[in-house]
PDB file of N, CA and C in Angstrom:
ATOM      1  N   MET A   1      15.075  -2.378  -8.047  1.00  0.00           N
ATOM      2  CA  MET A   1      14.047  -1.858  -7.360  1.00  0.00           C
ATOM      3  C   MET A   1      12.989  -0.619  -7.811  1.00  0.00           C
ATOM      4  N   ILE A   2      11.645  -1.045  -7.844  1.00  0.00           N
ATOM      5  CA  ILE A   2      10.065  -0.378  -8.143  1.00  0.00           C
ATOM      6  C   ILE A   2       9.644   0.363  -7.718  1.00  0.00           C
ATOM      7  N   VAL A   3       9.899   1.774  -8.363  1.00  0.00           N
ATOM      8  CA  VAL A   3       9.178   2.957  -6.151  1.00  0.00           C
ATOM      9  C   VAL A   3       7.723   3.849  -7.722  1.00  0.00           C
ATOM     10  N   VAL A   4       7.046   3.723  -7.165  1.00  0.00           N
ATOM     11  CA  VAL A   4       5.714   4.127  -7.417  1.00  0.00           C
ATOM     12  C   VAL A   4       5.327   5.122  -5.795  1.00  0.00           C
ATOM     13  N   THR A   5       4.286   5.840  -6.888  1.00  0.00           N
ATOM     14  CA  THR A   5       4.041   7.048  -5.838  1.00  0.00           C
ATOM     15  C   THR A   5       1.895   6.757  -6.601  1.00  0.00           C
ATOM     16  N   LEU A   6       0.951   7.044  -5.746  1.00  0.00           N
ATOM     17  CA  LEU A   6      -0.205   6.673  -5.469  1.00  0.00           C
ATOM     18  C   LEU A   6      -0.673   7.651  -4.912  1.00  0.00           C
ATOM     19  N   ALA A   7      -0.848   8.855  -6.265  1.00  0.00           N
ATOM     20  CA  ALA A   7      -1.606   9.678  -6.077  1.00  0.00           C
ATOM     21  C   ALA A   7      -3.363   9.610  -4.535  1.00  0.00           C
ATOM     22  N   ALA A   8      -2.818   8.690  -3.181  1.00  0.00           N
ATOM     23  CA  ALA A   8      -4.389   8.706  -2.404  1.00  0.00           C
ATOM     24  C   ALA A   8      -4.669   9.056  -1.739  1.00  0.00           C
ATOM     25  N   LYS A   9      -5.559   8.752  -0.415  1.00  0.00           N
ATOM     26  CA  LYS A   9      -5.606   8.731   0.494  1.00  0.00           C
ATOM     27  C   LYS A   9      -5.832   7.418   0.900  1.00  0.00           C
ATOM     28  N   ALA A  10      -4.921   6.938   2.143  1.00  0.00           N
ATOM     29  CA  ALA A  10      -5.207   5.874   2.876  1.00  0.00           C
ATOM     30  C   ALA A  10      -5.584   5.789   4.166  1.00  0.00           C
ATOM     31  N   HIS A  11      -7.275   6.194   3.973  1.00  0.00           N
ATOM     32  CA  HIS A  11      -8.240   6.386   5.153  1.00  0.00           C
ATOM     33  C   HIS A  11      -7.738   5.131   6.466  1.00  0.00           C
ATOM     34  N   SER A  12      -8.190   5.932   7.603  1.00  0.00           N
ATOM     35  CA  SER A  12      -7.488   5.385   8.887  1.00  0.00           C
ATOM     36  C   SER A  12      -9.105   4.244   9.116  1.00  0.00           C
ATOM     37  N   LEU A  13      -8.950   3.533   9.751  1.00  0.00           N
ATOM     38  CA  LEU A  13      -9.793   1.748  10.310  1.00  0.00           C
ATOM     39  C   LEU A  13     -11.013   2.642  10.811  1.00  0.00           C
ATOM     40  N   ASN A  14     -10.749   4.043  11.958  1.00  0.00           N
ATOM     41  CA  ASN A  14     -12.182   5.173  12.127  1.00  0.00           C
ATOM     42  C   ASN A  14     -12.980   5.648  11.751  1.00  0.00           C
ATOM     43  N   ALA A  15     -12.424   5.840  10.279  1.00  0.00           N
ATOM     44  CA  ALA A  15     -12.402   6.785   9.311  1.00  0.00           C
ATOM     45  C   ALA A  15     -14.561   6.152   9.411  1.00  0.00           C
ATOM     46  N   ARG A  16     -14.994   7.310   9.169  1.00  0.00           N
ATOM     47  CA  ARG A  16     -17.086   7.146   9.170  1.00  0.00           C
ATOM     48  C   ARG A  16     -17.459   7.491   7.536  1.00  0.00           C
ATOM     49  N   GLN A  17     -17.444   5.914   7.230  1.00  0.00           N
ATOM     50  CA  GLN A  17     -17.496   5.978   6.108  1.00  0.00           C
ATOM     51  C   GLN A  17     -19.204   5.126   5.879  1.00  0.00           C
ATOM     52  N   HIS A  18     -19.790   5.150   5.028  1.00  0.00           N
ATOM     53  CA  HIS A  18     -20.901   4.422   4.321  1.00  0.00           C
ATOM     54  C   HIS A  18     -19.929   3.060   4.501  1.00  0.00           C
ATOM     55  N   TRP A  19     -20.804   1.964   4.244  1.00  0.00           N
ATOM     56  CA  TRP A  19     -20.244   0.324   3.968  1.00  0.00           C
ATOM     57  C   TRP A  19     -19.310   0.033   2.314  1.00  0.00           C
ATOM     58  N   ALA A  20     -20.990   1.311   2.050  1.00  0.00           N
ATOM     59  CA  ALA A  20     -20.315   0.903   0.745  1.00  0.00           C
ATOM     60  C   ALA A  20     -19.504   1.947  -0.082  1.00  0.00           C
ATOM     61  N   ALA A  21     -19.334   3.023   0.149  1.00  0.00           N
ATOM     62  CA  ALA A  21     -18.365   4.656   0.116  1.00  0.00           C
ATOM     63  C   ALA A  21     -17.570   3.705   0.362  1.00  0.00           C
ATOM     64  N   LYS A  22     -17.229   3.008   1.299  1.00  0.00           N
ATOM     65  CA  LYS A  22     -15.425   2.192   1.729  1.00  0.00           C
ATOM     66  C   LYS A  22     -15.645   0.697   0.981  1.00  0.00           C
ATOM     67  N   ALA A  23     -15.858   0.327   0.802  1.00  0.00           N
ATOM     68  CA  ALA A  23     -15.642  -0.971  -0.159  1.00  0.00           C
ATOM     69  C   ALA A  23     -15.613   0.006  -1.514  1.00  0.00           C
ATOM     70  N   ARG A  24     -15.943   0.282  -2.274  1.00  0.00           N
ATOM     71  CA  ARG A  24     -15.949   1.489  -3.630  1.00  0.00           C
ATOM     72  C   ARG A  24     -14.386   2.081  -3.655  1.00  0.00           C
ATOM     73  N   SER A  25     -13.862   2.950  -2.723  1.00  0.00           N
ATOM     74  CA  SER A  25     -12.756   3.929  -2.572  1.00  0.00           C
ATOM     75  C   SER A  25     -11.992   2.115  -2.423  1.00  0.00           C
ATOM     76  N   ALA A  26     -12.024   1.017  -1.481  1.00  0.00           N
ATOM     77  CA  ALA A  26     -10.691   0.147  -1.123  1.00  0.00           C
ATOM     78  C   ALA A  26     -10.331  -0.232  -2.824  1.00  0.00           C
ATOM     79  N   LYS A  27     -11.626  -0.493  -3.394  1.00  0.00           N
ATOM     80  CA  LYS A  27     -11.573  -1.932  -4.528  1.00  0.00           C
ATOM     81  C   LYS A  27     -10.664  -0.946  -5.630  1.00  0.00           C
ATOM     82  N   GLN A  28     -11.150   0.536  -5.609  1.00  0.00           N
ATOM     83  CA  GLN A  28     -10.365   1.324  -6.218  1.00  0.00           C
ATOM     84  C   GLN A  28      -9.114   1.071  -6.119  1.00  0.00           C
ATOM     85  N   LEU A  29      -8.596   2.035  -4.980  1.00  0.00           N
ATOM     86  CA  LEU A  29      -7.259   1.674  -4.701  1.00  0.00           C
ATOM     87  C   LEU A  29      -6.086   0.599  -4.844  1.00  0.00           C
ATOM     88  N   ARG A  30      -7.234  -0.768  -4.504  1.00  0.00           N
ATOM     89  CA  ARG A  30      -6.228  -1.946  -4.607  1.00  0.00           C
ATOM     90  C   ARG A  30      -6.176  -1.940  -6.595  1.00  0.00           C
ATOM     91  N   GLN A  31      -7.038  -1.772  -7.500  1.00  0.00           N
ATOM     92  CA  GLN A  31      -6.809  -1.838  -8.696  1.00  0.00           C
ATOM     93  C   GLN A  31      -6.262  -0.717  -9.481  1.00  0.00           C
ATOM     94  N   ASP A  32      -5.880   0.706  -8.576  1.00  0.00           N
ATOM     95  CA  ASP A  32      -4.884   1.452  -9.620  1.00  0.00           C
ATOM     96  C   ASP A  32      -3.538   1.158  -8.524  1.00  0.00           C
ATOM     97  N   VAL A  33      -3.587   0.377  -7.873  1.00  0.00           N
ATOM     98  CA  VAL A  33      -1.865  -0.354  -6.945  1.00  0.00           C
ATOM     99  C   VAL A  33      -1.578  -1.057  -8.223  1.00  0.00           C
ATOM    100  N   HIS A  34      -2.388  -2.260  -8.025  1.00  0.00           N
ATOM    101  CA  HIS A  34      -2.159  -3.155  -9.651  1.00  0.00           C
ATOM    102  C   HIS A  34      -1.604  -2.466 -10.575  1.00  0.00           C
ATOM    103  N   TRP A  35      -2.642  -1.989 -11.187  1.00  0.00           N
ATOM    104  CA  TRP A  35      -2.446  -1.447 -12.693  1.00  0.00           C
ATOM    105  C   TRP A  35      -1.176  -0.498 -12.596  1.00  0.00           C
ATOM    106  N   LEU A  36      -0.757   0.235 -11.655  1.00  0.00           N
ATOM    107  CA  LEU A  36       0.585   1.093 -12.059  1.00  0.00           C
ATOM    108  C   LEU A  36       1.845  -0.320 -11.445  1.00  0.00           C
ATOM    109  N   LEU A  37       1.748  -0.618 -11.362  1.00  0.00           N
ATOM    110  CA  LEU A  37       2.724  -1.943 -11.572  1.00  0.00           C
ATOM    111  C   LEU A  37       2.619  -2.964 -12.442  1.00  0.00           C
ATOM    112  N   LYS A  38       1.738  -3.324 -13.260  1.00  0.00           N
ATOM    113  CA  LYS A  38       1.820  -4.149 -13.567  1.00  0.00           C
ATOM    114  C   LYS A  38       2.767  -3.709 -14.740  1.00  0.00           C
ATOM    115  N   GLY A  39       2.883  -4.905 -15.735  1.00  0.00           N
ATOM    116  CA  GLY A  39       4.266  -5.131 -16.138  1.00  0.00           C
ATOM    117  C   GLY A  39       5.755  -5.208 -16.082  1.00  0.00           C
ATOM    118  N   ARG A  40       5.904  -4.856 -14.612  1.00  0.00           N
ATOM    119  CA  ARG A  40       7.565  -5.055 -13.331  1.00  0.00           C
ATOM    120  C   ARG A  40       7.884  -5.905 -13.552  1.00  0.00           C
ATOM    121  N   PRO A  41       8.931  -6.227 -14.023  1.00  0.00           N
ATOM    122  CA  PRO A  41       9.524  -7.342 -13.829  1.00  0.00           C
ATOM    123  C   PRO A  41       9.820  -7.453 -11.602  1.00  0.00           C
ATOM    124  N   VAL A  42       9.678  -8.680 -11.659  1.00  0.00           N
ATOM    125  CA  VAL A  42      10.193  -8.179  -9.712  1.00  0.00           C
ATOM    126  C   VAL A  42       9.698 -10.053  -9.274  1.00  0.00           C
ATOM    127  N   ALA A  43      11.151 -10.018  -8.784  1.00  0.00           N
ATOM    128  CA  ALA A  43      11.404 -12.090  -8.553  1.00  0.00           C
ATOM    129  C   ALA A  43      11.069 -11.989  -7.148  1.00  0.00           C
ATOM    130  N   LEU A  44      10.655 -12.983  -6.289  1.00  0.00           N
ATOM    131  CA  LEU A  44      10.695 -13.250  -4.827  1.00  0.00           C
ATOM    132  C   LEU A  44      11.599 -14.012  -4.598  1.00  0.00           C
ATOM    133  N   PRO A  45      12.060 -13.785  -3.324  1.00  0.00           N
ATOM    134  CA  PRO A  45      11.535 -13.208  -2.557  1.00  0.00           C
ATOM    135  C   PRO A  45      12.025 -11.259  -3.199  1.00  0.00           C
ATOM    136  N   CYS A  46      10.714 -10.925  -2.322  1.00  0.00           N
ATOM    137  CA  CYS A  46      11.472  -9.351  -2.164  1.00  0.00           C
ATOM    138  C   CYS A  46      10.345  -8.515  -0.992  1.00  0.00           C
ATOM    139  N   VAL A  47      10.458  -6.931  -0.718  1.00  0.00           N
ATOM    140  CA  VAL A  47      10.572  -6.367   0.329  1.00  0.00           C
ATOM    141  C   VAL A  47       9.865  -5.318  -0.228  1.00  0.00           C
ATOM    142  N   VAL A  48       8.327  -5.840   0.460  1.00  0.00           N
ATOM    143  CA  VAL A  48       7.385  -4.180   0.034  1.00  0.00           C
ATOM    144  C   VAL A  48       7.684  -3.508   1.840  1.00  0.00           C
ATOM    145  N   THR A  49       7.243  -1.895   1.157  1.00  0.00           N
ATOM    146  CA  THR A  49       6.969  -0.799   1.898  1.00  0.00           C
ATOM    147  C   THR A  49       6.585   0.127   1.997  1.00  0.00           C
ATOM    148  N   LEU A  50       5.569   0.075   2.919  1.00  0.00           N
ATOM    149  CA  LEU A  50       4.177   1.004   2.137  1.00  0.00           C
ATOM    150  C   LEU A  50       4.025   1.777   2.968  1.00  0.00           C
ATOM    151  N   THR A  51       4.564   3.235   2.364  1.00  0.00           N
ATOM    152  CA  THR A  51       4.662   4.629   3.474  1.00  0.00           C
ATOM    153  C   THR A  51       3.223   5.288   2.778  1.00  0.00           C
ATOM    154  N   ARG A  52       2.641   5.743   4.010  1.00  0.00           N
ATOM    155  CA  ARG A  52       1.614   7.056   3.879  1.00  0.00           C
ATOM    156  C   ARG A  52       2.203   8.177   3.897  1.00  0.00           C
ATOM    157  N   ILE A  53       1.785   9.132   2.592  1.00  0.00           N
ATOM    158  CA  ILE A  53       2.207  10.538   3.198  1.00  0.00           C
ATOM    159  C   ILE A  53       1.226  10.565   3.460  1.00  0.00           C
ATOM    160  N   ALA A  54       0.835  12.197   4.605  1.00  0.00           N
ATOM    161  CA  ALA A  54      -0.257  12.980   5.246  1.00  0.00           C
ATOM    162  C   ALA A  54       0.487  14.375   5.342  1.00  0.00           C
ATOM    163  N   PRO A  55      -0.408  15.173   5.611  1.00  0.00           N
ATOM    164  CA  PRO A  55      -0.337  16.110   6.266  1.00  0.00           C
ATOM    165  C   PRO A  55      -0.465  16.248   7.834  1.00  0.00           C
ATOM    166  N   SER A  56      -0.896  15.120   8.056  1.00  0.00           N
ATOM    167  CA  SER A  56      -1.045  14.888   9.362  1.00  0.00           C
ATOM    168  C   SER A  56       0.240  14.595  10.136  1.00  0.00           C
ATOM    169  N   ARG A  57      -0.078  14.704  11.547  1.00  0.00           N
ATOM    170  CA  ARG A  57       1.070  14.121  13.383  1.00  0.00           C
ATOM    171  C   ARG A  57       1.175  12.612  12.474  1.00  0.00           C
ATOM    172  N   GLY A  58      -0.173  11.243  11.654  1.00  0.00           N
ATOM    173  CA  GLY A  58       0.105  10.401  11.700  1.00  0.00           C
ATOM    174  C   GLY A  58      -1.081   9.441  12.442  1.00  0.00           C
ATOM    175  N   LEU A  59      -1.041   7.820  11.659  1.00  0.00           N
ATOM    176  CA  LEU A  59      -1.624   7.354  12.285  1.00  0.00           C
ATOM    177  C   LEU A  59      -0.914   6.444  12.869  1.00  0.00           C
ATOM    178  N   ASP A  60      -1.351   5.884  14.230  1.00  0.00           N
ATOM    179  CA  ASP A  60      -1.324   4.752  15.705  1.00  0.00           C
ATOM    180  C   ASP A  60      -0.207   3.639  14.284  1.00  0.00           C
ATOM    181  N   PRO A  61       1.063   3.619  14.430  1.00  0.00           N
ATOM    182  CA  PRO A  61       1.312   2.906  13.678  1.00  0.00           C
ATOM    183  C   PRO A  61       1.799   1.945  14.096  1.00  0.00           C
ATOM    184  N   HIS A  62       0.720   1.194  15.059  1.00  0.00           N
ATOM    185  CA  HIS A  62       0.750  -0.268  15.736  1.00  0.00           C
ATOM    186  C   HIS A  62      -0.681  -0.944  15.197  1.00  0.00           C
ATOM    187  N   ASP A  63      -1.806  -0.956  14.920  1.00  0.00           N
ATOM    188  CA  ASP A  63      -2.971  -0.449  14.974  1.00  0.00           C
ATOM    189  C   ASP A  63      -3.566   0.099  12.914  1.00  0.00           C
ATOM    190  N   ASN A  64      -3.523   0.679  13.039  1.00  0.00           N
ATOM    191  CA  ASN A  64      -4.403   1.512  12.136  1.00  0.00           C
ATOM    192  C   ASN A  64      -3.745   1.676  10.861  1.00  0.00           C
ATOM    193  N   LEU A  65      -2.141   2.113  10.819  1.00  0.00           N
ATOM    194  CA  LEU A  65      -1.511   2.176   9.561  1.00  0.00           C
ATOM    195  C   LEU A  65      -1.034   1.098   8.947  1.00  0.00           C
ATOM    196  N   PRO A  66      -1.223  -0.317   9.085  1.00  0.00           N
ATOM    197  CA  PRO A  66      -0.997  -1.448   8.017  1.00  0.00           C
ATOM    198  C   PRO A  66      -2.424  -1.716   8.001  1.00  0.00           C
ATOM    199  N   GLY A  67      -3.607  -1.634   8.871  1.00  0.00           N
ATOM    200  CA  GLY A  67      -4.969  -1.761   8.709  1.00  0.00           C
ATOM    201  C   GLY A  67      -5.608  -0.520   7.724  1.00  0.00           C
ATOM    202  N   SER A  68      -5.140   0.907   7.589  1.00  0.00           N
ATOM    203  CA  SER A  68      -5.355   2.371   6.445  1.00  0.00           C
ATOM    204  C   SER A  68      -4.804   1.366   5.053  1.00  0.00           C
ATOM    205  N   LEU A  69      -3.496   0.589   5.164  1.00  0.00           N
ATOM    206  CA  LEU A  69      -3.067   0.400   3.891  1.00  0.00           C
ATOM    207  C   LEU A  69      -3.579  -1.060   3.354  1.00  0.00           C
ATOM    208  N   LYS A  70      -4.627  -1.813   3.575  1.00  0.00           N
ATOM    209  CA  LYS A  70      -4.951  -2.951   3.091  1.00  0.00           C
ATOM    210  C   LYS A  70      -5.166  -2.722   1.800  1.00  0.00           C
ATOM    211  N   PRO A  71      -5.880  -2.391   1.436  1.00  0.00           N
ATOM    212  CA  PRO A  71      -5.849  -2.152  -0.052  1.00  0.00           C
ATOM    213  C   PRO A  71      -4.899  -1.985  -0.692  1.00  0.00           C
ATOM    214  N   VAL A  72      -3.947  -1.127  -0.534  1.00  0.00           N
ATOM    215  CA  VAL A  72      -2.502  -1.012  -1.132  1.00  0.00           C
ATOM    216  C   VAL A  72      -1.892  -2.186  -1.393  1.00  0.00           C
ATOM    217  N   THR A  73      -1.791  -2.905   0.625  1.00  0.00           N
ATOM    218  CA  THR A  73      -0.829  -4.514   0.883  1.00  0.00           C
ATOM    219  C   THR A  73      -1.878  -5.770  -0.618  1.00  0.00           C
ATOM    220  N   ASP A  74      -3.349  -5.178  -0.449  1.00  0.00           N
ATOM    221  CA  ASP A  74      -4.047  -6.250  -1.642  1.00  0.00           C
ATOM    222  C   ASP A  74      -3.846  -6.063  -3.501  1.00  0.00           C
ATOM    223  N   GLY A  75      -3.723  -4.484  -3.296  1.00  0.00           N
ATOM    224  CA  GLY A  75      -2.977  -4.232  -4.402  1.00  0.00           C
ATOM    225  C   GLY A  75      -1.684  -5.593  -5.267  1.00  0.00           C
ATOM    226  N   VAL A  76      -1.021  -4.694  -4.352  1.00  0.00           N
ATOM    227  CA  VAL A  76       0.248  -5.274  -4.670  1.00  0.00           C
ATOM    228  C   VAL A  76       0.398  -6.745  -4.781  1.00  0.00           C
ATOM    229  N   SER A  77      -0.415  -7.638  -3.700  1.00  0.00           N
ATOM    230  CA  SER A  77      -0.259  -8.983  -3.451  1.00  0.00           C
ATOM    231  C   SER A  77      -0.606  -9.443  -5.128  1.00  0.00           C
ATOM    232  N   ASP A  78      -2.182  -9.151  -5.744  1.00  0.00           N
ATOM    233  CA  ASP A  78      -2.707  -9.108  -6.897  1.00  0.00           C
ATOM    234  C   ASP A  78      -1.307  -9.208  -7.684  1.00  0.00           C
ATOM    235  N   PHE A  79      -0.196  -7.995  -8.169  1.00  0.00           N
ATOM    236  CA  PHE A  79       0.301  -7.625  -9.175  1.00  0.00           C
ATOM    237  C   PHE A  79       1.893  -9.113  -8.862  1.00  0.00           C
ATOM    238  N   LEU A  80       1.670  -8.878  -7.480  1.00  0.00           N
ATOM    239  CA  LEU A  80       3.234 -10.641  -7.705  1.00  0.00           C
ATOM    240  C   LEU A  80       2.237 -11.831  -7.751  1.00  0.00           C
ATOM    241  N   GLY A  81       0.932 -12.102  -7.496  1.00  0.00           N
ATOM    242  CA  GLY A  81       0.532 -13.191  -7.924  1.00  0.00           C
ATOM    243  C   GLY A  81       0.589 -14.617  -6.631  1.00  0.00           C
ATOM    244  N   VAL A  82       1.010 -13.752  -5.743  1.00  0.00           N
ATOM    245  CA  VAL A  82       0.749 -14.670  -4.208  1.00  0.00           C
ATOM    246  C   VAL A  82      -0.396 -13.767  -3.211  1.00  0.00           C
ATOM    247  N   ASP A  83      -0.227 -14.997  -1.738  1.00  0.00           N
ATOM    248  CA  ASP A  83      -1.035 -14.203  -1.113  1.00  0.00           C
ATOM    249  C   ASP A  83      -0.408 -13.358  -0.218  1.00  0.00           C
ATOM    250  N   ASP A  84      -1.115 -12.365   0.830  1.00  0.00           N
ATOM    251  CA  ASP A  84      -0.277 -11.051   1.368  1.00  0.00           C
ATOM    252  C   ASP A  84      -0.010 -11.887   3.033  1.00  0.00           C
ATOM    253  N   ARG A  85      -0.624 -13.109   3.018  1.00  0.00           N
ATOM    254  CA  ARG A  85       0.522 -13.475   4.044  1.00  0.00           C
ATOM    255  C   ARG A  85       1.961 -14.961   3.420  1.00  0.00           C
ATOM    256  N   ASP A  86       1.820 -14.427   1.804  1.00  0.00           N
ATOM    257  CA  ASP A  86       3.162 -15.453   1.176  1.00  0.00           C
ATOM    258  C   ASP A  86       4.502 -15.546   2.210  1.00  0.00           C
ATOM    259  N   ALA A  87       5.723 -16.117   2.573  1.00  0.00           N
ATOM    260  CA  ALA A  87       6.671 -16.590   3.513  1.00  0.00           C
ATOM    261  C   ALA A  87       7.558 -15.133   2.479  1.00  0.00           C
ATOM    262  N   ARG A  88       7.269 -14.972   1.700  1.00  0.00           N
ATOM    263  CA  ARG A  88       8.119 -14.662   0.374  1.00  0.00           C
ATOM    264  C   ARG A  88       8.770 -12.964   0.149  1.00  0.00           C
ATOM    265  N   VAL A  89       7.580 -12.793   0.354  1.00  0.00           N
ATOM    266  CA  VAL A  89       6.839 -11.434   1.018  1.00  0.00           C
ATOM    267  C   VAL A  89       7.098 -10.777   2.421  1.00  0.00           C
ATOM    268  N   THR A  90       8.479  -9.311   2.621  1.00  0.00           N
ATOM    269  CA  THR A  90       8.118  -9.130   3.515  1.00  0.00           C
ATOM    270  C   THR A  90       7.444  -7.585   3.526  1.00  0.00           C
ATOM    271  N   TRP A  91       6.750  -6.972   4.703  1.00  0.00           N
ATOM    272  CA  TRP A  91       5.647  -6.165   3.916  1.00  0.00           C
ATOM    273  C   TRP A  91       6.584  -5.341   5.299  1.00  0.00           C
ATOM    274  N   ARG A  92       6.089  -3.566   5.237  1.00  0.00           N
ATOM    275  CA  ARG A  92       7.271  -2.774   5.897  1.00  0.00           C
ATOM    276  C   ARG A  92       6.433  -1.582   5.878  1.00  0.00           C
ATOM    277  N   TYR A  93       6.052  -1.167   6.287  1.00  0.00           N
ATOM    278  CA  TYR A  93       5.085   0.481   6.994  1.00  0.00           C
ATOM    279  C   TYR A  93       6.069   1.568   7.475  1.00  0.00           C
ATOM    280  N   ALA A  94       5.582   2.249   6.830  1.00  0.00           N
ATOM    281  CA  ALA A  94       6.754   3.369   7.309  1.00  0.00           C
ATOM    282  C   ALA A  94       4.840   4.227   6.717  1.00  0.00           C
ATOM    283  N   GLN A  95       5.457   5.665   7.807  1.00  0.00           N
ATOM    284  CA  GLN A  95       4.625   6.675   7.225  1.00  0.00           C
ATOM    285  C   GLN A  95       5.575   8.362   7.904  1.00  0.00           C
ATOM    286  N   ALA A  96       5.359   9.172   6.329  1.00  0.00           N
ATOM    287  CA  ALA A  96       5.593  10.384   6.155  1.00  0.00           C
ATOM    288  C   ALA A  96       5.296  11.799   6.154  1.00  0.00           C
ATOM    289  N   ARG A  97       5.729  12.892   6.843  1.00  0.00           N
ATOM    290  CA  ARG A  97       4.572  14.203   5.989  1.00  0.00           C
ATOM    291  C   ARG A  97       5.297  14.996   5.054  1.00  0.00           C
ATOM    292  N   GLY A  98       3.544  15.177   4.910  1.00  0.00           N
ATOM    293  CA  GLY A  98       4.138  15.427   3.597  1.00  0.00           C
ATOM    294  C   GLY A  98       2.458  17.049   2.731  1.00  0.00           C
ATOM    295  N   VAL A  99       2.671  17.981   2.041  1.00  0.00           N
ATOM    296  CA  VAL A  99       1.811  18.543   1.550  1.00  0.00           C
ATOM    297  C   VAL A  99       0.776  18.575   1.332  1.00  0.00           C
ATOM    298  N   GLY A 100       0.071  16.962   0.862  1.00  0.00           N
ATOM    299  CA  GLY A 100      -1.233  16.263   0.629  1.00  0.00           C
ATOM    300  C   GLY A 100      -0.989  14.324   0.927  1.00  0.00           C
ATOM    301  N   TYR A 101      -2.248  13.580  -0.014  1.00  0.00           N
ATOM    302  CA  TYR A 101      -1.685  12.443   0.715  1.00  0.00           C
ATOM    303  C   TYR A 101      -1.023  11.179  -0.185  1.00  0.00           C
ATOM    304  N   ALA A 102      -0.747  10.662  -0.478  1.00  0.00           N
ATOM    305  CA  ALA A 102      -0.445  10.073  -0.999  1.00  0.00           C
ATOM    306  C   ALA A 102      -0.171   8.256  -0.319  1.00  0.00           C
ATOM    307  N   VAL A 103       0.734   7.766  -1.410  1.00  0.00           N
ATOM    308  CA  VAL A 103       1.098   6.662  -0.780  1.00  0.00           C
ATOM    309  C   VAL A 103       2.143   5.547  -1.535  1.00  0.00           C
ATOM    310  N   LEU A 104       3.444   5.704  -0.827  1.00  0.00           N
ATOM    311  CA  LEU A 104       4.544   5.874  -1.758  1.00  0.00           C
ATOM    312  C   LEU A 104       4.247   3.662  -1.838  1.00  0.00           C
ATOM    313  N   VAL A 105       4.713   3.567  -3.229  1.00  0.00           N
ATOM    314  CA  VAL A 105       5.350   1.910  -2.341  1.00  0.00           C
ATOM    315  C   VAL A 105       6.396   1.441  -3.453  1.00  0.00           C
ATOM    316  N   GLU A 106       7.670   0.887  -2.101  1.00  0.00           N
ATOM    317  CA  GLU A 106       8.571   0.300  -2.624  1.00  0.00           C
ATOM    318  C   GLU A 106       8.636  -1.224  -2.752  1.00  0.00           C
ATOM    319  N   ILE A 107       9.630  -1.874  -3.821  1.00  0.00           N
ATOM    320  CA  ILE A 107       9.301  -2.996  -3.507  1.00  0.00           C
ATOM    321  C   ILE A 107      10.700  -3.396  -4.290  1.00  0.00           C
ATOM    322  N   ASP A 108      11.545  -4.386  -3.249  1.00  0.00           N
ATOM    323  CA  ASP A 108      13.383  -4.613  -3.096  1.00  0.00           C
ATOM    324  C   ASP A 108      13.020  -6.310  -3.758  1.00  0.00           C
ATOM    325  N   ASP A 109      13.166  -6.209  -4.928  1.00  0.00           N
ATOM    326  CA  ASP A 109      13.432  -7.992  -4.429  1.00  0.00           C
ATOM    327  C   ASP A 109      15.123  -8.106  -5.201  1.00  0.00           C
ATOM    328  N   ASP A 110      16.381  -7.668  -4.344  1.00  0.00           N
ATOM    329  CA  ASP A 110      17.462  -7.590  -4.304  1.00  0.00           C
ATOM    330  C   ASP A 110      18.444  -7.872  -5.862  1.00  0.00           C
ATOM    331  N   ARG A 111      17.517  -7.972  -6.591  1.00  0.00           N
ATOM    332  CA  ARG A 111      18.242  -8.409  -7.994  1.00  0.00           C
ATOM    333  C   ARG A 111      19.104  -7.207  -8.585  1.00  0.00           C
ATOM    334  N   ARG A 112      20.309  -6.578  -9.167  1.00  0.00           N
ATOM    335  CA  ARG A 112      21.212  -5.819  -9.796  1.00  0.00           C
ATOM    336  C   ARG A 112      21.616  -6.518 -10.459  1.00  0.00           C
TER     337      ARG A 112
END
């Protein structure tokens, strides 16, 4: 199992930002996730759990949560070398309260 924590804020899809600032932020988050995971061995199939940590009450778990973590999902997909729709990867999303903002990435490939 691989567990990494990324000190970053996952923005809601409803956040009011200029499109260029939003694109820069998403690109940076995607690259950060990819480089944090680079060089770690993972076998497919696997289960990826992305947990948004924030001091707020949380996002709507059915709409905004997966969308706000899309750059992280793309970064993990880049690392795995697959499309994020690949059936060998199961995506799970969660959120938790914390002091600051972070995203917890857990990849479980059931190798023991």
